[in-house]
PDB file of N, CA and C in Angstrom:
ATOM      1  N   MET A   1      -8.690 -13.440  20.265  1.00  0.00           N
ATOM      2  CA  MET A   1      -8.638 -14.112  21.532  1.00  0.00           C
ATOM      3  C   MET A   1      -9.944 -13.905  22.290  1.00  0.00           C
ATOM      4  N   ILE A   2     -10.443 -12.694  22.304  1.00  0.00           N
ATOM      5  CA  ILE A   2     -11.693 -12.430  23.028  1.00  0.00           C
ATOM      6  C   ILE A   2     -12.844 -13.221  22.413  1.00  0.00           C
ATOM      7  N   GLY A   3     -12.878 -13.295  21.098  1.00  0.00           N
ATOM      8  CA  GLY A   3     -13.917 -14.078  20.428  1.00  0.00           C
ATOM      9  C   GLY A   3     -13.867 -15.540  20.829  1.00  0.00           C
ATOM     10  N   LEU A   4     -12.663 -16.086  20.920  1.00  0.00           N
ATOM     11  CA  LEU A   4     -12.511 -17.475  21.361  1.00  0.00           C
ATOM     12  C   LEU A   4     -13.007 -17.655  22.791  1.00  0.00           C
ATOM     13  N   MET A   5     -12.724 -16.695  23.636  1.00  0.00           N
ATOM     14  CA  MET A   5     -13.175 -16.770  25.025  1.00  0.00           C
ATOM     15  C   MET A   5     -14.704 -16.725  25.104  1.00  0.00           C
ATOM     16  N   GLU A   6     -15.307 -15.863  24.292  1.00  0.00           N
ATOM     17  CA  GLU A   6     -16.764 -15.743  24.313  1.00  0.00           C
ATOM     18  C   GLU A   6     -17.439 -17.016  23.811  1.00  0.00           C
ATOM     19  N   ILE A   7     -16.985 -17.532  22.670  1.00  0.00           N
ATOM     20  CA  ILE A   7     -17.638 -18.714  22.099  1.00  0.00           C
ATOM     21  C   ILE A   7     -17.407 -19.945  22.973  1.00  0.00           C
ATOM     22  N   THR A   8     -16.238 -20.044  23.582  1.00  0.00           N
ATOM     23  CA  THR A   8     -15.974 -21.167  24.478  1.00  0.00           C
ATOM     24  C   THR A   8     -16.877 -21.087  25.709  1.00  0.00           C
ATOM     25  N   SER A   9     -17.077 -19.882  26.237  1.00  0.00           N
ATOM     26  CA  SER A   9     -17.990 -19.716  27.373  1.00  0.00           C
ATOM     27  C   SER A   9     -19.390 -20.184  27.000  1.00  0.00           C
ATOM     28  N   HIS A  10     -19.866 -19.744  25.846  1.00  0.00           N
ATOM     29  CA  HIS A  10     -21.208 -20.150  25.396  1.00  0.00           C
ATOM     30  C   HIS A  10     -21.295 -21.666  25.253  1.00  0.00           C
ATOM     31  N   HIS A  11     -20.335 -22.257  24.533  1.00  0.00           N
ATOM     32  CA  HIS A  11     -20.368 -23.704  24.303  1.00  0.00           C
ATOM     33  C   HIS A  11     -20.269 -24.502  25.604  1.00  0.00           C
ATOM     34  N   SER A  12     -19.597 -23.956  26.605  1.00  0.00           N
ATOM     35  CA  SER A  12     -19.419 -24.698  27.858  1.00  0.00           C
ATOM     36  C   SER A  12     -20.729 -24.849  28.633  1.00  0.00           C
ATOM     37  N   VAL A  13     -21.692 -23.979  28.410  1.00  0.00           N
ATOM     38  CA  VAL A  13     -22.966 -24.071  29.133  1.00  0.00           C
ATOM     39  C   VAL A  13     -24.133 -24.479  28.237  1.00  0.00           C
ATOM     40  N   GLU A  14     -23.918 -24.513  26.954  1.00  0.00           N
ATOM     41  CA  GLU A  14     -24.996 -24.794  26.007  1.00  0.00           C
ATOM     42  C   GLU A  14     -25.783 -26.074  26.325  1.00  0.00           C
ATOM     43  N   PRO A  15     -25.132 -27.185  26.712  1.00  0.00           N
ATOM     44  CA  PRO A  15     -25.912 -28.401  27.004  1.00  0.00           C
ATOM     45  C   PRO A  15     -26.880 -28.258  28.179  1.00  0.00           C
ATOM     46  N   TRP A  16     -26.687 -27.287  29.049  1.00  0.00           N
ATOM     47  CA  TRP A  16     -27.524 -27.128  30.231  1.00  0.00           C
ATOM     48  C   TRP A  16     -28.580 -26.028  30.095  1.00  0.00           C
ATOM     49  N   LEU A  17     -28.650 -25.402  28.936  1.00  0.00           N
ATOM     50  CA  LEU A  17     -29.637 -24.339  28.747  1.00  0.00           C
ATOM     51  C   LEU A  17     -31.028 -24.928  28.554  1.00  0.00           C
ATOM     52  N   PRO A  18     -32.049 -24.200  29.002  1.00  0.00           N
ATOM     53  CA  PRO A  18     -33.411 -24.659  28.734  1.00  0.00           C
ATOM     54  C   PRO A  18     -33.649 -24.695  27.219  1.00  0.00           C
ATOM     55  N   GLU A  19     -34.515 -25.604  26.794  1.00  0.00           N
ATOM     56  CA  GLU A  19     -34.838 -25.689  25.370  1.00  0.00           C
ATOM     57  C   GLU A  19     -35.349 -24.338  24.861  1.00  0.00           C
ATOM     58  N   GLY A  20     -34.892 -23.942  23.688  1.00  0.00           N
ATOM     59  CA  GLY A  20     -35.325 -22.682  23.093  1.00  0.00           C
ATOM     60  C   GLY A  20     -34.580 -21.461  23.617  1.00  0.00           C
ATOM     61  N   HIS A  21     -33.478 -21.662  24.353  1.00  0.00           N
ATOM     62  CA  HIS A  21     -32.709 -20.555  24.909  1.00  0.00           C
ATOM     63  C   HIS A  21     -31.263 -20.596  24.434  1.00  0.00           C
ATOM     64  N   THR A  22     -30.618 -19.457  24.492  1.00  0.00           N
ATOM     65  CA  THR A  22     -29.217 -19.321  24.143  1.00  0.00           C
ATOM     66  C   THR A  22     -28.581 -18.345  25.128  1.00  0.00           C
ATOM     67  N   THR A  23     -27.305 -18.050  24.932  1.00  0.00           N
ATOM     68  CA  THR A  23     -26.670 -17.017  25.755  1.00  0.00           C
ATOM     69  C   THR A  23     -26.127 -15.926  24.864  1.00  0.00           C
ATOM     70  N   VAL A  24     -26.105 -14.724  25.406  1.00  0.00           N
ATOM     71  CA  VAL A  24     -25.497 -13.580  24.719  1.00  0.00           C
ATOM     72  C   VAL A  24     -24.502 -12.930  25.679  1.00  0.00           C
ATOM     73  N   GLY A  25     -23.338 -12.596  25.145  1.00  0.00           N
ATOM     74  CA  GLY A  25     -22.340 -11.916  25.952  1.00  0.00           C
ATOM     75  C   GLY A  25     -22.684 -10.452  26.099  1.00  0.00           C
ATOM     76  N   TYR A  26     -22.426  -9.899  27.275  1.00  0.00           N
ATOM     77  CA  TYR A  26     -22.701  -8.484  27.470  1.00  0.00           C
ATOM     78  C   TYR A  26     -21.570  -7.733  28.165  1.00  0.00           C
ATOM     79  N   GLU A  27     -20.530  -8.439  28.606  1.00  0.00           N
ATOM     80  CA  GLU A  27     -19.403  -7.735  29.221  1.00  0.00           C
ATOM     81  C   GLU A  27     -18.161  -8.615  29.165  1.00  0.00           C
ATOM     82  N   VAL A  28     -17.016  -7.992  28.857  1.00  0.00           N
ATOM     83  CA  VAL A  28     -15.745  -8.690  28.795  1.00  0.00           C
ATOM     84  C   VAL A  28     -14.673  -7.787  29.399  1.00  0.00           C
ATOM     85  N   HIS A  29     -13.869  -8.350  30.294  1.00  0.00           N
ATOM     86  CA  HIS A  29     -12.698  -7.661  30.844  1.00  0.00           C
ATOM     87  C   HIS A  29     -11.536  -8.635  30.714  1.00  0.00           C
ATOM     88  N   VAL A  30     -10.623  -8.341  29.796  1.00  0.00           N
ATOM     89  CA  VAL A  30      -9.545  -9.274  29.483  1.00  0.00           C
ATOM     90  C   VAL A  30      -8.208  -8.551  29.511  1.00  0.00           C
ATOM     91  N   ARG A  31      -7.223  -9.249  30.006  1.00  0.00           N
ATOM     92  CA  ARG A  31      -5.845  -8.752  29.963  1.00  0.00           C
ATOM     93  C   ARG A  31      -5.093  -9.610  28.958  1.00  0.00           C
ATOM     94  N   HIS A  32      -4.608  -8.989  27.894  1.00  0.00           N
ATOM     95  CA  HIS A  32      -3.835  -9.688  26.869  1.00  0.00           C
ATOM     96  C   HIS A  32      -2.380  -9.653  27.320  1.00  0.00           C
ATOM     97  N   MET A  33      -1.795 -10.834  27.553  1.00  0.00           N
ATOM     98  CA  MET A  33      -0.496 -10.902  28.205  1.00  0.00           C
ATOM     99  C   MET A  33       0.651 -11.336  27.291  1.00  0.00           C
ATOM    100  N   ALA A  34       0.352 -12.011  26.180  1.00  0.00           N
ATOM    101  CA  ALA A  34       1.411 -12.480  25.292  1.00  0.00           C
ATOM    102  C   ALA A  34       0.822 -12.731  23.908  1.00  0.00           C
ATOM    103  N   PRO A  35       1.642 -12.613  22.871  1.00  0.00           N
ATOM    104  CA  PRO A  35       1.155 -12.866  21.513  1.00  0.00           C
ATOM    105  C   PRO A  35       1.209 -14.353  21.158  1.00  0.00           C
ATOM    106  N   ALA A  36       0.489 -14.711  20.120  1.00  0.00           N
ATOM    107  CA  ALA A  36       0.560 -16.048  19.522  1.00  0.00           C
ATOM    108  C   ALA A  36       0.626 -15.838  18.016  1.00  0.00           C
ATOM    109  N   ALA A  37       1.436 -16.600  17.359  1.00  0.00           N
ATOM    110  CA  ALA A  37       1.576 -16.484  15.908  1.00  0.00           C
ATOM    111  C   ALA A  37       0.287 -16.928  15.212  1.00  0.00           C
ATOM    112  N   PRO A  38      -0.041 -16.305  14.074  1.00  0.00           N
ATOM    113  CA  PRO A  38      -1.218 -16.744  13.321  1.00  0.00           C
ATOM    114  C   PRO A  38      -1.134 -18.244  13.024  1.00  0.00           C
ATOM    115  N   GLY A  39      -2.243 -18.940  13.202  1.00  0.00           N
ATOM    116  CA  GLY A  39      -2.290 -20.371  12.966  1.00  0.00           C
ATOM    117  C   GLY A  39      -1.847 -21.217  14.140  1.00  0.00           C
ATOM    118  N   SER A  40      -1.425 -20.580  15.227  1.00  0.00           N
ATOM    119  CA  SER A  40      -0.992 -21.314  16.428  1.00  0.00           C
ATOM    120  C   SER A  40      -2.170 -22.040  17.066  1.00  0.00           C
ATOM    121  N   THR A  41      -1.851 -23.097  17.765  1.00  0.00           N
ATOM    122  CA  THR A  41      -2.855 -23.796  18.552  1.00  0.00           C
ATOM    123  C   THR A  41      -2.898 -23.178  19.940  1.00  0.00           C
ATOM    124  N   VAL A  42      -4.092 -22.758  20.340  1.00  0.00           N
ATOM    125  CA  VAL A  42      -4.281 -22.199  21.677  1.00  0.00           C
ATOM    126  C   VAL A  42      -5.404 -22.972  22.357  1.00  0.00           C
ATOM    127  N   VAL A  43      -5.370 -22.979  23.676  1.00  0.00           N
ATOM    128  CA  VAL A  43      -6.404 -23.654  24.459  1.00  0.00           C
ATOM    129  C   VAL A  43      -7.106 -22.609  25.304  1.00  0.00           C
ATOM    130  N   VAL A  44      -8.422 -22.572  25.197  1.00  0.00           N
ATOM    131  CA  VAL A  44      -9.232 -21.635  25.973  1.00  0.00           C
ATOM    132  C   VAL A  44      -9.989 -22.423  27.023  1.00  0.00           C
ATOM    133  N   THR A  45      -9.927 -21.964  28.264  1.00  0.00           N
ATOM    134  CA  THR A  45     -10.707 -22.588  29.331  1.00  0.00           C
ATOM    135  C   THR A  45     -11.640 -21.552  29.935  1.00  0.00           C
ATOM    136  N   THR A  46     -12.796 -22.030  30.358  1.00  0.00           N
ATOM    137  CA  THR A  46     -13.767 -21.167  31.022  1.00  0.00           C
ATOM    138  C   THR A  46     -14.256 -21.885  32.269  1.00  0.00           C
ATOM    139  N   ARG A  47     -14.648 -21.085  33.235  1.00  0.00           N
ATOM    140  CA  ARG A  47     -15.199 -21.633  34.477  1.00  0.00           C
ATOM    141  C   ARG A  47     -16.305 -20.716  34.943  1.00  0.00           C
ATOM    142  N   VAL A  48     -17.486 -21.276  35.131  1.00  0.00           N
ATOM    143  CA  VAL A  48     -18.596 -20.491  35.671  1.00  0.00           C
ATOM    144  C   VAL A  48     -18.294 -20.249  37.144  1.00  0.00           C
ATOM    145  N   THR A  49     -18.264 -18.978  37.521  1.00  0.00           N
ATOM    146  CA  THR A  49     -17.962 -18.631  38.906  1.00  0.00           C
ATOM    147  C   THR A  49     -19.197 -18.212  39.695  1.00  0.00           C
ATOM    148  N   GLU A  50     -20.245 -17.814  38.967  1.00  0.00           N
ATOM    149  CA  GLU A  50     -21.448 -17.351  39.662  1.00  0.00           C
ATOM    150  C   GLU A  50     -22.623 -17.379  38.691  1.00  0.00           C
ATOM    151  N   VAL A  51     -23.799 -17.653  39.247  1.00  0.00           N
ATOM    152  CA  VAL A  51     -25.045 -17.596  38.488  1.00  0.00           C
ATOM    153  C   VAL A  51     -26.009 -16.742  39.297  1.00  0.00           C
ATOM    154  N   LYS A  52     -26.525 -15.687  38.679  1.00  0.00           N
ATOM    155  CA  LYS A  52     -27.504 -14.810  39.335  1.00  0.00           C
ATOM    156  C   LYS A  52     -28.700 -14.686  38.394  1.00  0.00           C
ATOM    157  N   GLY A  53     -29.752 -15.432  38.685  1.00  0.00           N
ATOM    158  CA  GLY A  53     -30.914 -15.412  37.797  1.00  0.00           C
ATOM    159  C   GLY A  53     -30.506 -15.920  36.425  1.00  0.00           C
ATOM    160  N   ASN A  54     -30.677 -15.071  35.396  1.00  0.00           N
ATOM    161  CA  ASN A  54     -30.293 -15.470  34.036  1.00  0.00           C
ATOM    162  C   ASN A  54     -28.877 -15.010  33.676  1.00  0.00           C
ATOM    163  N   LYS A  55     -28.121 -14.484  34.627  1.00  0.00           N
ATOM    164  CA  LYS A  55     -26.760 -13.987  34.377  1.00  0.00           C
ATOM    165  C   LYS A  55     -25.726 -15.043  34.768  1.00  0.00           C
ATOM    166  N   LEU A  56     -24.757 -15.250  33.874  1.00  0.00           N
ATOM    167  CA  LEU A  56     -23.670 -16.199  34.092  1.00  0.00           C
ATOM    168  C   LEU A  56     -22.351 -15.441  34.114  1.00  0.00           C
ATOM    169  N   TYR A  57     -21.518 -15.732  35.101  1.00  0.00           N
ATOM    170  CA  TYR A  57     -20.222 -15.073  35.250  1.00  0.00           C
ATOM    171  C   TYR A  57     -19.120 -16.115  35.058  1.00  0.00           C
ATOM    172  N   PHE A  58     -18.145 -15.805  34.215  1.00  0.00           N
ATOM    173  CA  PHE A  58     -17.086 -16.739  33.857  1.00  0.00           C
ATOM    174  C   PHE A  58     -15.710 -16.160  34.154  1.00  0.00           C
ATOM    175  N   GLU A  59     -14.781 -17.033  34.558  1.00  0.00           N
ATOM    176  CA  GLU A  59     -13.361 -16.740  34.488  1.00  0.00           C
ATOM    177  C   GLU A  59     -12.885 -17.384  33.200  1.00  0.00           C
ATOM    178  N   VAL A  60     -12.082 -16.656  32.416  1.00  0.00           N
ATOM    179  CA  VAL A  60     -11.621 -17.171  31.131  1.00  0.00           C
ATOM    180  C   VAL A  60     -10.099 -17.083  31.060  1.00  0.00           C
ATOM    181  N   GLU A  61      -9.508 -18.024  30.315  1.00  0.00           N
ATOM    182  CA  GLU A  61      -8.058 -18.020  30.152  1.00  0.00           C
ATOM    183  C   GLU A  61      -7.718 -18.617  28.793  1.00  0.00           C
ATOM    184  N   CYS A  62      -6.703 -18.062  28.166  1.00  0.00           N
ATOM    185  CA  CYS A  62      -6.216 -18.546  26.881  1.00  0.00           C
ATOM    186  C   CYS A  62      -4.731 -18.860  27.038  1.00  0.00           C
ATOM    187  N   ARG A  63      -4.328 -20.080  26.625  1.00  0.00           N
ATOM    188  CA  ARG A  63      -2.935 -20.526  26.779  1.00  0.00           C
ATOM    189  C   ARG A  63      -2.421 -21.109  25.472  1.00  0.00           C
ATOM    190  N   GLN A  64      -1.125 -21.009  25.327  1.00  0.00           N
ATOM    191  CA  GLN A  64      -0.409 -21.722  24.274  1.00  0.00           C
ATOM    192  C   GLN A  64       0.673 -22.514  25.006  1.00  0.00           C
ATOM    193  N   GLY A  65       0.418 -23.796  25.208  1.00  0.00           N
ATOM    194  CA  GLY A  65       1.317 -24.592  26.039  1.00  0.00           C
ATOM    195  C   GLY A  65       1.315 -24.057  27.455  1.00  0.00           C
ATOM    196  N   ASP A  66       2.501 -23.782  27.993  1.00  0.00           N
ATOM    197  CA  ASP A  66       2.623 -23.241  29.346  1.00  0.00           C
ATOM    198  C   ASP A  66       2.476 -21.717  29.390  1.00  0.00           C
ATOM    199  N   LYS A  67       2.439 -21.080  28.233  1.00  0.00           N
ATOM    200  CA  LYS A  67       2.389 -19.618  28.158  1.00  0.00           C
ATOM    201  C   LYS A  67       0.942 -19.123  28.248  1.00  0.00           C
ATOM    202  N   VAL A  68       0.676 -18.242  29.205  1.00  0.00           N
ATOM    203  CA  VAL A  68      -0.644 -17.619  29.341  1.00  0.00           C
ATOM    204  C   VAL A  68      -0.706 -16.451  28.367  1.00  0.00           C
ATOM    205  N   LEU A  69      -1.676 -16.513  27.448  1.00  0.00           N
ATOM    206  CA  LEU A  69      -1.862 -15.444  26.468  1.00  0.00           C
ATOM    207  C   LEU A  69      -2.797 -14.363  26.970  1.00  0.00           C
ATOM    208  N   GLY A  70      -3.790 -14.765  27.762  1.00  0.00           N
ATOM    209  CA  GLY A  70      -4.738 -13.795  28.280  1.00  0.00           C
ATOM    210  C   GLY A  70      -5.621 -14.395  29.355  1.00  0.00           C
ATOM    211  N   THR A  71      -6.101 -13.547  30.235  1.00  0.00           N
ATOM    212  CA  THR A  71      -7.018 -13.955  31.305  1.00  0.00           C
ATOM    213  C   THR A  71      -8.054 -12.864  31.485  1.00  0.00           C
ATOM    214  N   GLY A  72      -9.156 -13.224  32.132  1.00  0.00           N
ATOM    215  CA  GLY A  72     -10.146 -12.203  32.406  1.00  0.00           C
ATOM    216  C   GLY A  72     -11.450 -12.770  32.901  1.00  0.00           C
ATOM    217  N   ILE A  73     -12.479 -11.925  32.811  1.00  0.00           N
ATOM    218  CA  ILE A  73     -13.834 -12.320  33.175  1.00  0.00           C
ATOM    219  C   ILE A  73     -14.751 -12.019  31.996  1.00  0.00           C
ATOM    220  N   HIS A  74     -15.825 -12.780  31.928  1.00  0.00           N
ATOM    221  CA  HIS A  74     -16.805 -12.610  30.856  1.00  0.00           C
ATOM    222  C   HIS A  74     -18.182 -12.838  31.459  1.00  0.00           C
ATOM    223  N   LYS A  75     -19.143 -12.040  31.042  1.00  0.00           N
ATOM    224  CA  LYS A  75     -20.510 -12.176  31.539  1.00  0.00           C
ATOM    225  C   LYS A  75     -21.446 -12.445  30.367  1.00  0.00           C
ATOM    226  N   ARG A  76     -22.362 -13.381  30.578  1.00  0.00           N
ATOM    227  CA  ARG A  76     -23.341 -13.733  29.565  1.00  0.00           C
ATOM    228  C   ARG A  76     -24.723 -13.782  30.212  1.00  0.00           C
ATOM    229  N   ALA A  77     -25.761 -13.612  29.415  1.00  0.00           N
ATOM    230  CA  ALA A  77     -27.131 -13.710  29.892  1.00  0.00           C
ATOM    231  C   ALA A  77     -27.851 -14.814  29.113  1.00  0.00           C
ATOM    232  N   ILE A  78     -28.693 -15.574  29.804  1.00  0.00           N
ATOM    233  CA  ILE A  78     -29.526 -16.579  29.165  1.00  0.00           C
ATOM    234  C   ILE A  78     -30.786 -15.875  28.665  1.00  0.00           C
ATOM    235  N   VAL A  79     -31.068 -16.041  27.373  1.00  0.00           N
ATOM    236  CA  VAL A  79     -32.228 -15.374  26.752  1.00  0.00           C
ATOM    237  C   VAL A  79     -32.940 -16.360  25.826  1.00  0.00           C
ATOM    238  N   PRO A  80     -34.233 -16.086  25.505  1.00  0.00           N
ATOM    239  CA  PRO A  80     -34.899 -16.911  24.500  1.00  0.00           C
ATOM    240  C   PRO A  80     -34.139 -16.824  23.181  1.00  0.00           C
ATOM    241  N   ALA A  81     -34.043 -17.948  22.466  1.00  0.00           N
ATOM    242  CA  ALA A  81     -33.267 -17.997  21.226  1.00  0.00           C
ATOM    243  C   ALA A  81     -33.894 -17.159  20.116  1.00  0.00           C
ATOM    244  N   ASN A  82     -35.161 -16.931  20.172  1.00  0.00           N
ATOM    245  CA  ASN A  82     -35.819 -16.113  19.138  1.00  0.00           C
ATOM    246  C   ASN A  82     -36.297 -14.797  19.720  1.00  0.00           C
ATOM    247  N   PHE A  83     -35.335 -14.072  20.318  1.00  0.00           N
ATOM    248  CA  PHE A  83     -35.678 -12.781  20.929  1.00  0.00           C
ATOM    249  C   PHE A  83     -35.800 -11.810  19.820  1.00  0.00           C
TER     250      PHE A  83
END
């Protein structure tokens, strides 16, 4: 679940990154609230809540239908892609 939250956060901002840059995650705080069976379809949503210089702050949520599987915050930094 955390991996899905991280990759979704990255993909949600990727079109707006400067050429030659990417993001790297550096902090995750997640509350896992319910299980999902292997192979289940889940929906991950992210929302940028703050931008400070090269730091991006996200609210993240994972759902299976109406059931919330997990929520939290995730932080990423914009860095050159060939660091």
